[in-house]
Amino acid sequence: MFADNDTWGYYIFSVLKRGMMAPHLSCPQLTVKDVRFLGLRANEYKQCGTSKECLIRWKRRWDLRLKFMRKYPCFRSNAWQREFDEFKNQNAKCEIECMVARIGAERTVNEYLLPKLKNKDWLT
């Protein structure tokens, strides 16, 4: 899954992983088997040829959302907890749209997405 570096991108991943919109429920029949988060991660905007201009300042409401998301079963791994810590420390979010606008769709795929796939650099 290729998504923004924000709470909504993380949440959409959790819906695919759990197969349900309600965070406390899961439905294995509706899950996307072996879904992987290939989306933007905290501080990756620097590696992608984008700048801080692509960051959207932290909103207080994200603190509460992040607090609850940390407890979702699909986010209990150390890797996800580190991602949430780094996201919070970044103090902003970054959207794919900005990255594509700054470096182009072809570079986004060739220099960001394909290397992630090749190196298996994803969160599960």
PDB file of N, CA and C in Angstrom:
ATOM      1  N   MET A   1       0.840  -1.168   0.000  1.00  0.00           N
ATOM      2  CA  MET A   1       0.000   0.000   0.000  1.00  0.00           C
ATOM      3  C   MET A   1       0.892   1.241   0.000  1.00  0.00           C
ATOM      4  N   PHE A   2       0.607   2.157  -0.896  1.00  0.00           N
ATOM      5  CA  PHE A   2       1.366   3.402  -1.017  1.00  0.00           C
ATOM      6  C   PHE A   2       0.475   4.521  -0.506  1.00  0.00           C
ATOM      7  N   ALA A   3       0.830   5.104   0.647  1.00  0.00           N
ATOM      8  CA  ALA A   3      -0.029   6.096   1.289  1.00  0.00           C
ATOM      9  C   ALA A   3       0.799   7.233   1.872  1.00  0.00           C
ATOM     10  N   ASP A   4       0.098   8.291   2.241  1.00  0.00           N
ATOM     11  CA  ASP A   4       0.729   9.455   2.853  1.00  0.00           C
ATOM     12  C   ASP A   4       1.320   9.119   4.215  1.00  0.00           C
ATOM     13  N   ASN A   5       2.265   9.944   4.624  1.00  0.00           N
ATOM     14  CA  ASN A   5       2.865   9.865   5.955  1.00  0.00           C
ATOM     15  C   ASN A   5       1.996  10.701   6.893  1.00  0.00           C
ATOM     16  N   ASP A   6       0.872  10.093   7.291  1.00  0.00           N
ATOM     17  CA  ASP A   6      -0.033  10.768   8.225  1.00  0.00           C
ATOM     18  C   ASP A   6      -0.936   9.736   8.896  1.00  0.00           C
ATOM     19  N   THR A   7      -1.711  10.193   9.852  1.00  0.00           N
ATOM     20  CA  THR A   7      -2.563   9.262  10.593  1.00  0.00           C
ATOM     21  C   THR A   7      -3.605   8.602   9.689  1.00  0.00           C
ATOM     22  N   TRP A   8      -4.072   9.298   8.659  1.00  0.00           N
ATOM     23  CA  TRP A   8      -5.053   8.684   7.758  1.00  0.00           C
ATOM     24  C   TRP A   8      -4.415   7.599   6.909  1.00  0.00           C
ATOM     25  N   GLY A   9      -3.197   7.814   6.452  1.00  0.00           N
ATOM     26  CA  GLY A   9      -2.494   6.770   5.704  1.00  0.00           C
ATOM     27  C   GLY A   9      -2.299   5.530   6.550  1.00  0.00           C
ATOM     28  N   TYR A  10      -1.900   5.728   7.798  1.00  0.00           N
ATOM     29  CA  TYR A  10      -1.734   4.604   8.721  1.00  0.00           C
ATOM     30  C   TYR A  10      -3.082   3.917   8.980  1.00  0.00           C
ATOM     31  N   TYR A  11      -4.114   4.717   9.163  1.00  0.00           N
ATOM     32  CA  TYR A  11      -5.430   4.150   9.452  1.00  0.00           C
ATOM     33  C   TYR A  11      -5.944   3.309   8.277  1.00  0.00           C
ATOM     34  N   ILE A  12      -5.772   3.811   7.064  1.00  0.00           N
ATOM     35  CA  ILE A  12      -6.216   3.048   5.892  1.00  0.00           C
ATOM     36  C   ILE A  12      -5.489   1.710   5.838  1.00  0.00           C
ATOM     37  N   PHE A  13      -4.186   1.717   6.151  1.00  0.00           N
ATOM     38  CA  PHE A  13      -3.445   0.458   6.223  1.00  0.00           C
ATOM     39  C   PHE A  13      -4.094  -0.482   7.238  1.00  0.00           C
ATOM     40  N   SER A  14      -4.456   0.056   8.400  1.00  0.00           N
ATOM     41  CA  SER A  14      -5.043  -0.792   9.443  1.00  0.00           C
ATOM     42  C   SER A  14      -6.374  -1.387   8.992  1.00  0.00           C
ATOM     43  N   VAL A  15      -7.145  -0.638   8.229  1.00  0.00           N
ATOM     44  CA  VAL A  15      -8.427  -1.154   7.722  1.00  0.00           C
ATOM     45  C   VAL A  15      -8.172  -2.320   6.765  1.00  0.00           C
ATOM     46  N   LEU A  16      -7.204  -2.184   5.891  1.00  0.00           N
ATOM     47  CA  LEU A  16      -6.869  -3.280   4.975  1.00  0.00           C
ATOM     48  C   LEU A  16      -6.352  -4.489   5.741  1.00  0.00           C
ATOM     49  N   LYS A  17      -5.540  -4.240   6.753  1.00  0.00           N
ATOM     50  CA  LYS A  17      -4.939  -5.319   7.549  1.00  0.00           C
ATOM     51  C   LYS A  17      -5.992  -6.065   8.386  1.00  0.00           C
ATOM     52  N   ARG A  18      -6.944  -5.300   8.957  1.00  0.00           N
ATOM     53  CA  ARG A  18      -7.953  -5.891   9.841  1.00  0.00           C
ATOM     54  C   ARG A  18      -9.211  -6.320   9.106  1.00  0.00           C
ATOM     55  N   GLY A  19      -9.468  -5.684   7.964  1.00  0.00           N
ATOM     56  CA  GLY A  19     -10.674  -6.003   7.210  1.00  0.00           C
ATOM     57  C   GLY A  19     -11.919  -5.328   7.751  1.00  0.00           C
ATOM     58  N   MET A  20     -11.756  -4.379   8.649  1.00  0.00           N
ATOM     59  CA  MET A  20     -12.901  -3.686   9.252  1.00  0.00           C
ATOM     60  C   MET A  20     -12.548  -2.233   9.525  1.00  0.00           C
ATOM     61  N   MET A  21     -13.581  -1.390   9.522  1.00  0.00           N
ATOM     62  CA  MET A  21     -13.379   0.022   9.847  1.00  0.00           C
ATOM     63  C   MET A  21     -13.230   0.223  11.356  1.00  0.00           C
ATOM     64  N   ALA A  22     -13.957  -0.545  12.148  1.00  0.00           N
ATOM     65  CA  ALA A  22     -13.929  -0.395  13.605  1.00  0.00           C
ATOM     66  C   ALA A  22     -12.598  -0.928  14.139  1.00  0.00           C
ATOM     67  N   PRO A  23     -11.809  -0.080  14.818  1.00  0.00           N
ATOM     68  CA  PRO A  23     -10.478  -0.482  15.273  1.00  0.00           C
ATOM     69  C   PRO A  23     -10.451  -1.706  16.185  1.00  0.00           C
ATOM     70  N   HIS A  24     -11.527  -1.949  16.908  1.00  0.00           N
ATOM     71  CA  HIS A  24     -11.532  -3.062  17.856  1.00  0.00           C
ATOM     72  C   HIS A  24     -12.027  -4.367  17.226  1.00  0.00           C
ATOM     73  N   LEU A  25     -12.377  -4.334  15.946  1.00  0.00           N
ATOM     74  CA  LEU A  25     -12.879  -5.522  15.262  1.00  0.00           C
ATOM     75  C   LEU A  25     -11.959  -5.917  14.119  1.00  0.00           C
ATOM     76  N   SER A  26     -12.037  -7.182  13.747  1.00  0.00           N
ATOM     77  CA  SER A  26     -11.347  -7.637  12.548  1.00  0.00           C
ATOM     78  C   SER A  26     -12.219  -8.665  11.857  1.00  0.00           C
ATOM     79  N   CYS A  27     -12.036  -8.793  10.574  1.00  0.00           N
ATOM     80  CA  CYS A  27     -12.793  -9.752   9.777  1.00  0.00           C
ATOM     81  C   CYS A  27     -11.816 -10.369   8.775  1.00  0.00           C
ATOM     82  N   PRO A  28     -11.248 -11.506   9.118  1.00  0.00           N
ATOM     83  CA  PRO A  28     -10.230 -12.118   8.259  1.00  0.00           C
ATOM     84  C   PRO A  28     -10.674 -12.302   6.801  1.00  0.00           C
ATOM     85  N   GLN A  29     -11.947 -12.519   6.585  1.00  0.00           N
ATOM     86  CA  GLN A  29     -12.434 -12.726   5.216  1.00  0.00           C
ATOM     87  C   GLN A  29     -12.329 -11.457   4.369  1.00  0.00           C
ATOM     88  N   LEU A  30     -12.260 -10.293   4.996  1.00  0.00           N
ATOM     89  CA  LEU A  30     -12.213  -9.032   4.274  1.00  0.00           C
ATOM     90  C   LEU A  30     -10.823  -8.391   4.249  1.00  0.00           C
ATOM     91  N   THR A  31      -9.845  -9.049   4.830  1.00  0.00           N
ATOM     92  CA  THR A  31      -8.502  -8.467   4.873  1.00  0.00           C
ATOM     93  C   THR A  31      -7.808  -8.570   3.520  1.00  0.00           C
ATOM     94  N   VAL A  32      -6.811  -7.731   3.338  1.00  0.00           N
ATOM     95  CA  VAL A  32      -5.935  -7.839   2.173  1.00  0.00           C
ATOM     96  C   VAL A  32      -4.742  -8.659   2.644  1.00  0.00           C
ATOM     97  N   LYS A  33      -4.698  -9.885   2.192  1.00  0.00           N
ATOM     98  CA  LYS A  33      -3.665 -10.801   2.669  1.00  0.00           C
ATOM     99  C   LYS A  33      -2.273 -10.229   2.399  1.00  0.00           C
ATOM    100  N   ASP A  34      -1.439 -10.270   3.408  1.00  0.00           N
ATOM    101  CA  ASP A  34      -0.045  -9.815   3.310  1.00  0.00           C
ATOM    102  C   ASP A  34       0.105  -8.356   2.882  1.00  0.00           C
ATOM    103  N   VAL A  35      -0.807  -7.493   3.291  1.00  0.00           N
ATOM    104  CA  VAL A  35      -0.675  -6.072   2.969  1.00  0.00           C
ATOM    105  C   VAL A  35       0.602  -5.529   3.602  1.00  0.00           C
ATOM    106  N   ARG A  36       1.274  -4.665   2.868  1.00  0.00           N
ATOM    107  CA  ARG A  36       2.512  -4.053   3.345  1.00  0.00           C
ATOM    108  C   ARG A  36       2.405  -2.545   3.168  1.00  0.00           C
ATOM    109  N   PHE A  37       2.941  -1.803   4.126  1.00  0.00           N
ATOM    110  CA  PHE A  37       2.925  -0.347   4.046  1.00  0.00           C
ATOM    111  C   PHE A  37       4.200   0.114   3.362  1.00  0.00           C
ATOM    112  N   LEU A  38       4.052   0.574   2.123  1.00  0.00           N
ATOM    113  CA  LEU A  38       5.169   1.095   1.337  1.00  0.00           C
ATOM    114  C   LEU A  38       5.127   2.608   1.272  1.00  0.00           C
ATOM    115  N   GLY A  39       4.170   3.183   1.958  1.00  0.00           N
ATOM    116  CA  GLY A  39       3.954   4.617   1.888  1.00  0.00           C
ATOM    117  C   GLY A  39       5.075   5.429   2.490  1.00  0.00           C
ATOM    118  N   LEU A  40       4.917   6.725   2.368  1.00  0.00           N
ATOM    119  CA  LEU A  40       5.884   7.640   2.967  1.00  0.00           C
ATOM    120  C   LEU A  40       5.975   7.380   4.460  1.00  0.00           C
ATOM    121  N   ARG A  41       7.189   7.377   4.960  1.00  0.00           N
ATOM    122  CA  ARG A  41       7.390   7.207   6.385  1.00  0.00           C
ATOM    123  C   ARG A  41       8.053   8.454   6.935  1.00  0.00           C
ATOM    124  N   ALA A  42       8.049   8.545   8.233  1.00  0.00           N
ATOM    125  CA  ALA A  42       8.593   9.728   8.903  1.00  0.00           C
ATOM    126  C   ALA A  42      10.017  10.005   8.434  1.00  0.00           C
ATOM    127  N   ASN A  43      10.260  11.247   8.128  1.00  0.00           N
ATOM    128  CA  ASN A  43      11.562  11.766   7.709  1.00  0.00           C
ATOM    129  C   ASN A  43      12.037  11.299   6.337  1.00  0.00           C
ATOM    130  N   GLU A  44      11.247  10.532   5.620  1.00  0.00           N
ATOM    131  CA  GLU A  44      11.663  10.104   4.285  1.00  0.00           C
ATOM    132  C   GLU A  44      11.558  11.225   3.257  1.00  0.00           C
ATOM    133  N   TYR A  45      10.841  12.261   3.577  1.00  0.00           N
ATOM    134  CA  TYR A  45      10.727  13.372   2.632  1.00  0.00           C
ATOM    135  C   TYR A  45      12.120  13.892   2.264  1.00  0.00           C
ATOM    136  N   LYS A  46      13.076  13.772   3.171  1.00  0.00           N
ATOM    137  CA  LYS A  46      14.450  14.240   2.921  1.00  0.00           C
ATOM    138  C   LYS A  46      15.133  13.386   1.848  1.00  0.00           C
ATOM    139  N   GLN A  47      14.889  12.084   1.884  1.00  0.00           N
ATOM    140  CA  GLN A  47      15.514  11.161   0.950  1.00  0.00           C
ATOM    141  C   GLN A  47      14.883  11.217  -0.434  1.00  0.00           C
ATOM    142  N   CYS A  48      13.721  11.794  -0.528  1.00  0.00           N
ATOM    143  CA  CYS A  48      12.951  11.771  -1.768  1.00  0.00           C
ATOM    144  C   CYS A  48      13.157  12.999  -2.628  1.00  0.00           C
ATOM    145  N   GLY A  49      14.082  13.847  -2.263  1.00  0.00           N
ATOM    146  CA  GLY A  49      14.315  15.042  -3.044  1.00  0.00           C
ATOM    147  C   GLY A  49      13.300  16.133  -2.780  1.00  0.00           C
ATOM    148  N   THR A  50      12.505  15.971  -1.754  1.00  0.00           N
ATOM    149  CA  THR A  50      11.553  17.011  -1.386  1.00  0.00           C
ATOM    150  C   THR A  50      12.134  17.787  -0.210  1.00  0.00           C
ATOM    151  N   SER A  51      11.458  18.819   0.189  1.00  0.00           N
ATOM    152  CA  SER A  51      11.981  19.645   1.268  1.00  0.00           C
ATOM    153  C   SER A  51      10.919  19.835   2.337  1.00  0.00           C
ATOM    154  N   LYS A  52      11.281  20.586   3.360  1.00  0.00           N
ATOM    155  CA  LYS A  52      10.346  20.858   4.446  1.00  0.00           C
ATOM    156  C   LYS A  52       9.108  21.603   3.955  1.00  0.00           C
ATOM    157  N   GLU A  53       9.206  22.195   2.783  1.00  0.00           N
ATOM    158  CA  GLU A  53       8.040  22.886   2.218  1.00  0.00           C
ATOM    159  C   GLU A  53       6.888  21.924   1.973  1.00  0.00           C
ATOM    160  N   CYS A  54       7.185  20.651   1.852  1.00  0.00           N
ATOM    161  CA  CYS A  54       6.145  19.635   1.636  1.00  0.00           C
ATOM    162  C   CYS A  54       5.493  19.192   2.942  1.00  0.00           C
ATOM    163  N   LEU A  55       6.046  19.614   4.060  1.00  0.00           N
ATOM    164  CA  LEU A  55       5.490  19.199   5.340  1.00  0.00           C
ATOM    165  C   LEU A  55       4.299  20.068   5.732  1.00  0.00           C
ATOM    166  N   ILE A  56       3.327  19.423   6.329  1.00  0.00           N
ATOM    167  CA  ILE A  56       2.148  20.114   6.859  1.00  0.00           C
ATOM    168  C   ILE A  56       2.241  20.036   8.373  1.00  0.00           C
ATOM    169  N   ARG A  57       2.232  21.197   9.003  1.00  0.00           N
ATOM    170  CA  ARG A  57       2.440  21.274  10.456  1.00  0.00           C
ATOM    171  C   ARG A  57       1.502  20.365  11.241  1.00  0.00           C
ATOM    172  N   TRP A  58       2.033  19.898  12.356  1.00  0.00           N
ATOM    173  CA  TRP A  58       1.321  18.987  13.264  1.00  0.00           C
ATOM    174  C   TRP A  58       0.047  19.640  13.788  1.00  0.00           C
ATOM    175  N   LYS A  59      -1.004  18.852  13.812  1.00  0.00           N
ATOM    176  CA  LYS A  59      -2.281  19.287  14.381  1.00  0.00           C
ATOM    177  C   LYS A  59      -2.482  18.556  15.706  1.00  0.00           C
ATOM    178  N   ARG A  60      -2.942  19.258  16.704  1.00  0.00           N
ATOM    179  CA  ARG A  60      -3.115  18.644  18.038  1.00  0.00           C
ATOM    180  C   ARG A  60      -3.980  17.393  18.018  1.00  0.00           C
ATOM    181  N   ARG A  61      -4.987  17.375  17.163  1.00  0.00           N
ATOM    182  CA  ARG A  61      -5.895  16.220  17.135  1.00  0.00           C
ATOM    183  C   ARG A  61      -5.169  14.933  16.722  1.00  0.00           C
ATOM    184  N   TRP A  62      -4.028  15.068  16.055  1.00  0.00           N
ATOM    185  CA  TRP A  62      -3.270  13.883  15.664  1.00  0.00           C
ATOM    186  C   TRP A  62      -2.687  13.171  16.880  1.00  0.00           C
ATOM    187  N   ASP A  63      -2.413  13.906  17.966  1.00  0.00           N
ATOM    188  CA  ASP A  63      -1.883  13.282  19.187  1.00  0.00           C
ATOM    189  C   ASP A  63      -2.825  12.208  19.705  1.00  0.00           C
ATOM    190  N   LEU A  64      -4.081  12.541  19.794  1.00  0.00           N
ATOM    191  CA  LEU A  64      -5.072  11.593  20.314  1.00  0.00           C
ATOM    192  C   LEU A  64      -5.239  10.415  19.364  1.00  0.00           C
ATOM    193  N   ARG A  65      -5.317  10.691  18.077  1.00  0.00           N
ATOM    194  CA  ARG A  65      -5.468   9.621  17.090  1.00  0.00           C
ATOM    195  C   ARG A  65      -4.273   8.671  17.170  1.00  0.00           C
ATOM    196  N   LEU A  66      -3.080   9.217  17.257  1.00  0.00           N
ATOM    197  CA  LEU A  66      -1.875   8.400  17.341  1.00  0.00           C
ATOM    198  C   LEU A  66      -1.855   7.571  18.626  1.00  0.00           C
ATOM    199  N   LYS A  67      -2.296   8.166  19.706  1.00  0.00           N
ATOM    200  CA  LYS A  67      -2.353   7.455  20.997  1.00  0.00           C
ATOM    201  C   LYS A  67      -3.216   6.204  20.882  1.00  0.00           C
ATOM    202  N   PHE A  68      -4.375   6.325  20.252  1.00  0.00           N
ATOM    203  CA  PHE A  68      -5.267   5.181  20.105  1.00  0.00           C
ATOM    204  C   PHE A  68      -4.750   4.181  19.081  1.00  0.00           C
ATOM    205  N   MET A  69      -4.157   4.680  17.999  1.00  0.00           N
ATOM    206  CA  MET A  69      -3.657   3.780  16.958  1.00  0.00           C
ATOM    207  C   MET A  69      -2.516   2.910  17.474  1.00  0.00           C
ATOM    208  N   ARG A  70      -1.730   3.420  18.394  1.00  0.00           N
ATOM    209  CA  ARG A  70      -0.634   2.626  18.969  1.00  0.00           C
ATOM    210  C   ARG A  70      -1.147   1.326  19.588  1.00  0.00           C
ATOM    211  N   LYS A  71      -2.398   1.326  20.005  1.00  0.00           N
ATOM    212  CA  LYS A  71      -2.975   0.161  20.680  1.00  0.00           C
ATOM    213  C   LYS A  71      -3.608  -0.843  19.724  1.00  0.00           C
ATOM    214  N   TYR A  72      -3.794  -0.474  18.464  1.00  0.00           N
ATOM    215  CA  TYR A  72      -4.373  -1.417  17.506  1.00  0.00           C
ATOM    216  C   TYR A  72      -3.448  -2.629  17.395  1.00  0.00           C
ATOM    217  N   PRO A  73      -3.999  -3.819  17.350  1.00  0.00           N
ATOM    218  CA  PRO A  73      -3.151  -5.017  17.226  1.00  0.00           C
ATOM    219  C   PRO A  73      -2.190  -4.966  16.031  1.00  0.00           C
ATOM    220  N   CYS A  74      -2.616  -4.389  14.930  1.00  0.00           N
ATOM    221  CA  CYS A  74      -1.756  -4.364  13.739  1.00  0.00           C
ATOM    222  C   CYS A  74      -0.592  -3.380  13.860  1.00  0.00           C
ATOM    223  N   PHE A  75      -0.592  -2.546  14.896  1.00  0.00           N
ATOM    224  CA  PHE A  75       0.476  -1.568  15.079  1.00  0.00           C
ATOM    225  C   PHE A  75       1.311  -1.829  16.326  1.00  0.00           C
ATOM    226  N   ARG A  76       1.210  -2.995  16.912  1.00  0.00           N
ATOM    227  CA  ARG A  76       1.917  -3.269  18.163  1.00  0.00           C
ATOM    228  C   ARG A  76       3.390  -3.632  17.992  1.00  0.00           C
ATOM    229  N   SER A  77       3.828  -3.867  16.767  1.00  0.00           N
ATOM    230  CA  SER A  77       5.232  -4.248  16.559  1.00  0.00           C
ATOM    231  C   SER A  77       6.158  -3.079  16.903  1.00  0.00           C
ATOM    232  N   ASN A  78       7.402  -3.421  17.205  1.00  0.00           N
ATOM    233  CA  ASN A  78       8.401  -2.394  17.499  1.00  0.00           C
ATOM    234  C   ASN A  78       8.608  -1.468  16.305  1.00  0.00           C
ATOM    235  N   ALA A  79       8.556  -2.024  15.099  1.00  0.00           N
ATOM    236  CA  ALA A  79       8.758  -1.208  13.892  1.00  0.00           C
ATOM    237  C   ALA A  79       7.674  -0.145  13.768  1.00  0.00           C
ATOM    238  N   TRP A  80       6.428  -0.528  13.999  1.00  0.00           N
ATOM    239  CA  TRP A  80       5.344   0.460  13.933  1.00  0.00           C
ATOM    240  C   TRP A  80       5.439   1.467  15.063  1.00  0.00           C
ATOM    241  N   GLN A  81       5.798   1.032  16.244  1.00  0.00           N
ATOM    242  CA  GLN A  81       5.921   1.966  17.368  1.00  0.00           C
ATOM    243  C   GLN A  81       7.033   2.979  17.105  1.00  0.00           C
ATOM    244  N   ARG A  82       8.148   2.527  16.511  1.00  0.00           N
ATOM    245  CA  ARG A  82       9.227   3.448  16.125  1.00  0.00           C
ATOM    246  C   ARG A  82       8.747   4.430  15.062  1.00  0.00           C
ATOM    247  N   GLU A  83       7.973   3.915  14.100  1.00  0.00           N
ATOM    248  CA  GLU A  83       7.441   4.794  13.058  1.00  0.00           C
ATOM    249  C   GLU A  83       6.579   5.891  13.687  1.00  0.00           C
ATOM    250  N   PHE A  84       5.720   5.519  14.614  1.00  0.00           N
ATOM    251  CA  PHE A  84       4.865   6.509  15.277  1.00  0.00           C
ATOM    252  C   PHE A  84       5.698   7.512  16.069  1.00  0.00           C
ATOM    253  N   ASP A  85       6.748   7.042  16.742  1.00  0.00           N
ATOM    254  CA  ASP A  85       7.629   7.957  17.485  1.00  0.00           C
ATOM    255  C   ASP A  85       8.294   8.955  16.541  1.00  0.00           C
ATOM    256  N   GLU A  86       8.815   8.450  15.430  1.00  0.00           N
ATOM    257  CA  GLU A  86       9.482   9.323  14.466  1.00  0.00           C
ATOM    258  C   GLU A  86       8.492  10.296  13.822  1.00  0.00           C
ATOM    259  N   PHE A  87       7.294   9.818  13.549  1.00  0.00           N
ATOM    260  CA  PHE A  87       6.251  10.672  12.983  1.00  0.00           C
ATOM    261  C   PHE A  87       5.940  11.819  13.939  1.00  0.00           C
ATOM    262  N   LYS A  88       5.776  11.490  15.202  1.00  0.00           N
ATOM    263  CA  LYS A  88       5.493  12.514  16.215  1.00  0.00           C
ATOM    264  C   LYS A  88       6.665  13.493  16.326  1.00  0.00           C
ATOM    265  N   ASN A  89       7.890  12.978  16.327  1.00  0.00           N
ATOM    266  CA  ASN A  89       9.075  13.838  16.419  1.00  0.00           C
ATOM    267  C   ASN A  89       9.258  14.707  15.175  1.00  0.00           C
ATOM    268  N   GLN A  90       8.809  14.223  14.035  1.00  0.00           N
ATOM    269  CA  GLN A  90       8.866  15.008  12.797  1.00  0.00           C
ATOM    270  C   GLN A  90       7.993  16.253  12.922  1.00  0.00           C
ATOM    271  N   ASN A  91       6.944  16.133  13.744  1.00  0.00           N
ATOM    272  CA  ASN A  91       6.055  17.251  14.057  1.00  0.00           C
ATOM    273  C   ASN A  91       5.336  17.797  12.818  1.00  0.00           C
ATOM    274  N   ALA A  92       5.099  16.904  11.860  1.00  0.00           N
ATOM    275  CA  ALA A  92       4.429  17.294  10.624  1.00  0.00           C
ATOM    276  C   ALA A  92       4.079  16.027   9.852  1.00  0.00           C
ATOM    277  N   LYS A  93       3.287  16.212   8.803  1.00  0.00           N
ATOM    278  CA  LYS A  93       2.993  15.094   7.917  1.00  0.00           C
ATOM    279  C   LYS A  93       3.462  15.459   6.513  1.00  0.00           C
ATOM    280  N   CYS A  94       3.602  14.439   5.682  1.00  0.00           N
ATOM    281  CA  CYS A  94       4.017  14.655   4.301  1.00  0.00           C
ATOM    282  C   CYS A  94       3.102  13.832   3.404  1.00  0.00           C
ATOM    283  N   GLU A  95       2.673  14.435   2.308  1.00  0.00           N
ATOM    284  CA  GLU A  95       1.760  13.752   1.400  1.00  0.00           C
ATOM    285  C   GLU A  95       2.449  13.399   0.093  1.00  0.00           C
ATOM    286  N   ILE A  96       2.071  12.269  -0.461  1.00  0.00           N
ATOM    287  CA  ILE A  96       2.615  11.800  -1.729  1.00  0.00           C
ATOM    288  C   ILE A  96       2.410  12.837  -2.819  1.00  0.00           C
ATOM    289  N   GLU A  97       1.287  13.487  -2.799  1.00  0.00           N
ATOM    290  CA  GLU A  97       0.961  14.490  -3.817  1.00  0.00           C
ATOM    291  C   GLU A  97       2.053  15.554  -3.923  1.00  0.00           C
ATOM    292  N   CYS A  98       2.555  15.992  -2.804  1.00  0.00           N
ATOM    293  CA  CYS A  98       3.612  17.008  -2.809  1.00  0.00           C
ATOM    294  C   CYS A  98       4.904  16.434  -3.380  1.00  0.00           C
ATOM    295  N   MET A  99       5.235  15.212  -2.996  1.00  0.00           N
ATOM    296  CA  MET A  99       6.444  14.574  -3.509  1.00  0.00           C
ATOM    297  C   MET A  99       6.362  14.446  -5.030  1.00  0.00           C
ATOM    298  N   VAL A 100       5.236  13.982  -5.533  1.00  0.00           N
ATOM    299  CA  VAL A 100       5.055  13.818  -6.975  1.00  0.00           C
ATOM    300  C   VAL A 100       5.124  15.174  -7.673  1.00  0.00           C
ATOM    301  N   ALA A 101       4.535  16.196  -7.071  1.00  0.00           N
ATOM    302  CA  ALA A 101       4.571  17.538  -7.667  1.00  0.00           C
ATOM    303  C   ALA A 101       6.000  18.079  -7.725  1.00  0.00           C
ATOM    304  N   ARG A 102       6.818  17.761  -6.728  1.00  0.00           N
ATOM    305  CA  ARG A 102       8.186  18.298  -6.662  1.00  0.00           C
ATOM    306  C   ARG A 102       9.172  17.518  -7.534  1.00  0.00           C
ATOM    307  N   ILE A 103       9.073  16.186  -7.533  1.00  0.00           N
ATOM    308  CA  ILE A 103      10.077  15.392  -8.259  1.00  0.00           C
ATOM    309  C   ILE A 103       9.502  14.639  -9.448  1.00  0.00           C
ATOM    310  N   GLY A 104       8.191  14.593  -9.590  1.00  0.00           N
ATOM    311  CA  GLY A 104       7.559  13.914 -10.715  1.00  0.00           C
ATOM    312  C   GLY A 104       7.180  12.476 -10.400  1.00  0.00           C
ATOM    313  N   ALA A 105       6.197  11.988 -11.121  1.00  0.00           N
ATOM    314  CA  ALA A 105       5.691  10.630 -10.899  1.00  0.00           C
ATOM    315  C   ALA A 105       6.737   9.575 -11.245  1.00  0.00           C
ATOM    316  N   GLU A 106       7.452   9.775 -12.342  1.00  0.00           N
ATOM    317  CA  GLU A 106       8.446   8.783 -12.767  1.00  0.00           C
ATOM    318  C   GLU A 106       9.561   8.633 -11.734  1.00  0.00           C
ATOM    319  N   ARG A 107      10.084   9.750 -11.242  1.00  0.00           N
ATOM    320  CA  ARG A 107      11.127   9.681 -10.208  1.00  0.00           C
ATOM    321  C   ARG A 107      10.581   9.102  -8.913  1.00  0.00           C
ATOM    322  N   THR A 108       9.330   9.423  -8.587  1.00  0.00           N
ATOM    323  CA  THR A 108       8.726   8.873  -7.369  1.00  0.00           C
ATOM    324  C   THR A 108       8.710   7.352  -7.437  1.00  0.00           C
ATOM    325  N   VAL A 109       8.317   6.825  -8.580  1.00  0.00           N
ATOM    326  CA  VAL A 109       8.275   5.369  -8.749  1.00  0.00           C
ATOM    327  C   VAL A 109       9.683   4.786  -8.806  1.00  0.00           C
ATOM    328  N   ASN A 110      10.529   5.326  -9.675  1.00  0.00           N
ATOM    329  CA  ASN A 110      11.853   4.743  -9.914  1.00  0.00           C
ATOM    330  C   ASN A 110      12.843   4.928  -8.772  1.00  0.00           C
ATOM    331  N   GLU A 111      12.790   6.070  -8.096  1.00  0.00           N
ATOM    332  CA  GLU A 111      13.785   6.358  -7.072  1.00  0.00           C
ATOM    333  C   GLU A 111      13.288   6.142  -5.643  1.00  0.00           C
ATOM    334  N   TYR A 112      11.992   5.975  -5.495  1.00  0.00           N
ATOM    335  CA  TYR A 112      11.447   5.790  -4.145  1.00  0.00           C
ATOM    336  C   TYR A 112      10.745   4.440  -4.009  1.00  0.00           C
ATOM    337  N   LEU A 113       9.744   4.217  -4.825  1.00  0.00           N
ATOM    338  CA  LEU A 113       8.903   3.028  -4.661  1.00  0.00           C
ATOM    339  C   LEU A 113       9.609   1.737  -5.080  1.00  0.00           C
ATOM    340  N   LEU A 114      10.225   1.709  -6.244  1.00  0.00           N
ATOM    341  CA  LEU A 114      10.891   0.480  -6.704  1.00  0.00           C
ATOM    342  C   LEU A 114      12.030   0.041  -5.785  1.00  0.00           C
ATOM    343  N   PRO A 115      12.897   0.956  -5.307  1.00  0.00           N
ATOM    344  CA  PRO A 115      13.925   0.516  -4.352  1.00  0.00           C
ATOM    345  C   PRO A 115      13.321  -0.049  -3.057  1.00  0.00           C
ATOM    346  N   LYS A 116      12.212   0.524  -2.607  1.00  0.00           N
ATOM    347  CA  LYS A 116      11.565  -0.021  -1.399  1.00  0.00           C
ATOM    348  C   LYS A 116      11.107  -1.452  -1.646  1.00  0.00           C
ATOM    349  N   LEU A 117      10.536  -1.692  -2.798  1.00  0.00           N
ATOM    350  CA  LEU A 117      10.097  -3.049  -3.130  1.00  0.00           C
ATOM    351  C   LEU A 117      11.293  -3.993  -3.226  1.00  0.00           C
ATOM    352  N   LYS A 118      12.325  -3.561  -3.925  1.00  0.00           N
ATOM    353  CA  LYS A 118      13.519  -4.393  -4.103  1.00  0.00           C
ATOM    354  C   LYS A 118      14.158  -4.739  -2.764  1.00  0.00           C
ATOM    355  N   ASN A 119      14.244  -3.767  -1.858  1.00  0.00           N
ATOM    356  CA  ASN A 119      14.884  -3.967  -0.550  1.00  0.00           C
ATOM    357  C   ASN A 119      13.944  -4.477   0.537  1.00  0.00           C
ATOM    358  N   LYS A 120      12.702  -4.710   0.142  1.00  0.00           N
ATOM    359  CA  LYS A 120      11.677  -5.164   1.102  1.00  0.00           C
ATOM    360  C   LYS A 120      11.603  -4.216   2.301  1.00  0.00           C
ATOM    361  N   ASP A 121      11.641  -2.942   1.993  1.00  0.00           N
ATOM    362  CA  ASP A 121      11.615  -1.889   3.016  1.00  0.00           C
ATOM    363  C   ASP A 121      10.175  -1.435   3.239  1.00  0.00           C
ATOM    364  N   TRP A 122       9.452  -2.223   3.987  1.00  0.00           N
ATOM    365  CA  TRP A 122       8.059  -1.917   4.257  1.00  0.00           C
ATOM    366  C   TRP A 122       7.716  -2.260   5.702  1.00  0.00           C
ATOM    367  N   LEU A 123       6.565  -1.815   6.125  1.00  0.00           N
ATOM    368  CA  LEU A 123       6.036  -2.176   7.446  1.00  0.00           C
ATOM    369  C   LEU A 123       4.865  -3.123   7.223  1.00  0.00           C
ATOM    370  N   THR A 124       4.724  -4.116   8.094  1.00  0.00           N
ATOM    371  CA  THR A 124       3.615  -5.067   7.975  1.00  0.00           C
ATOM    372  C   THR A 124       2.756  -5.045   9.210  1.00  0.00           C
TER     373      THR A 124
END
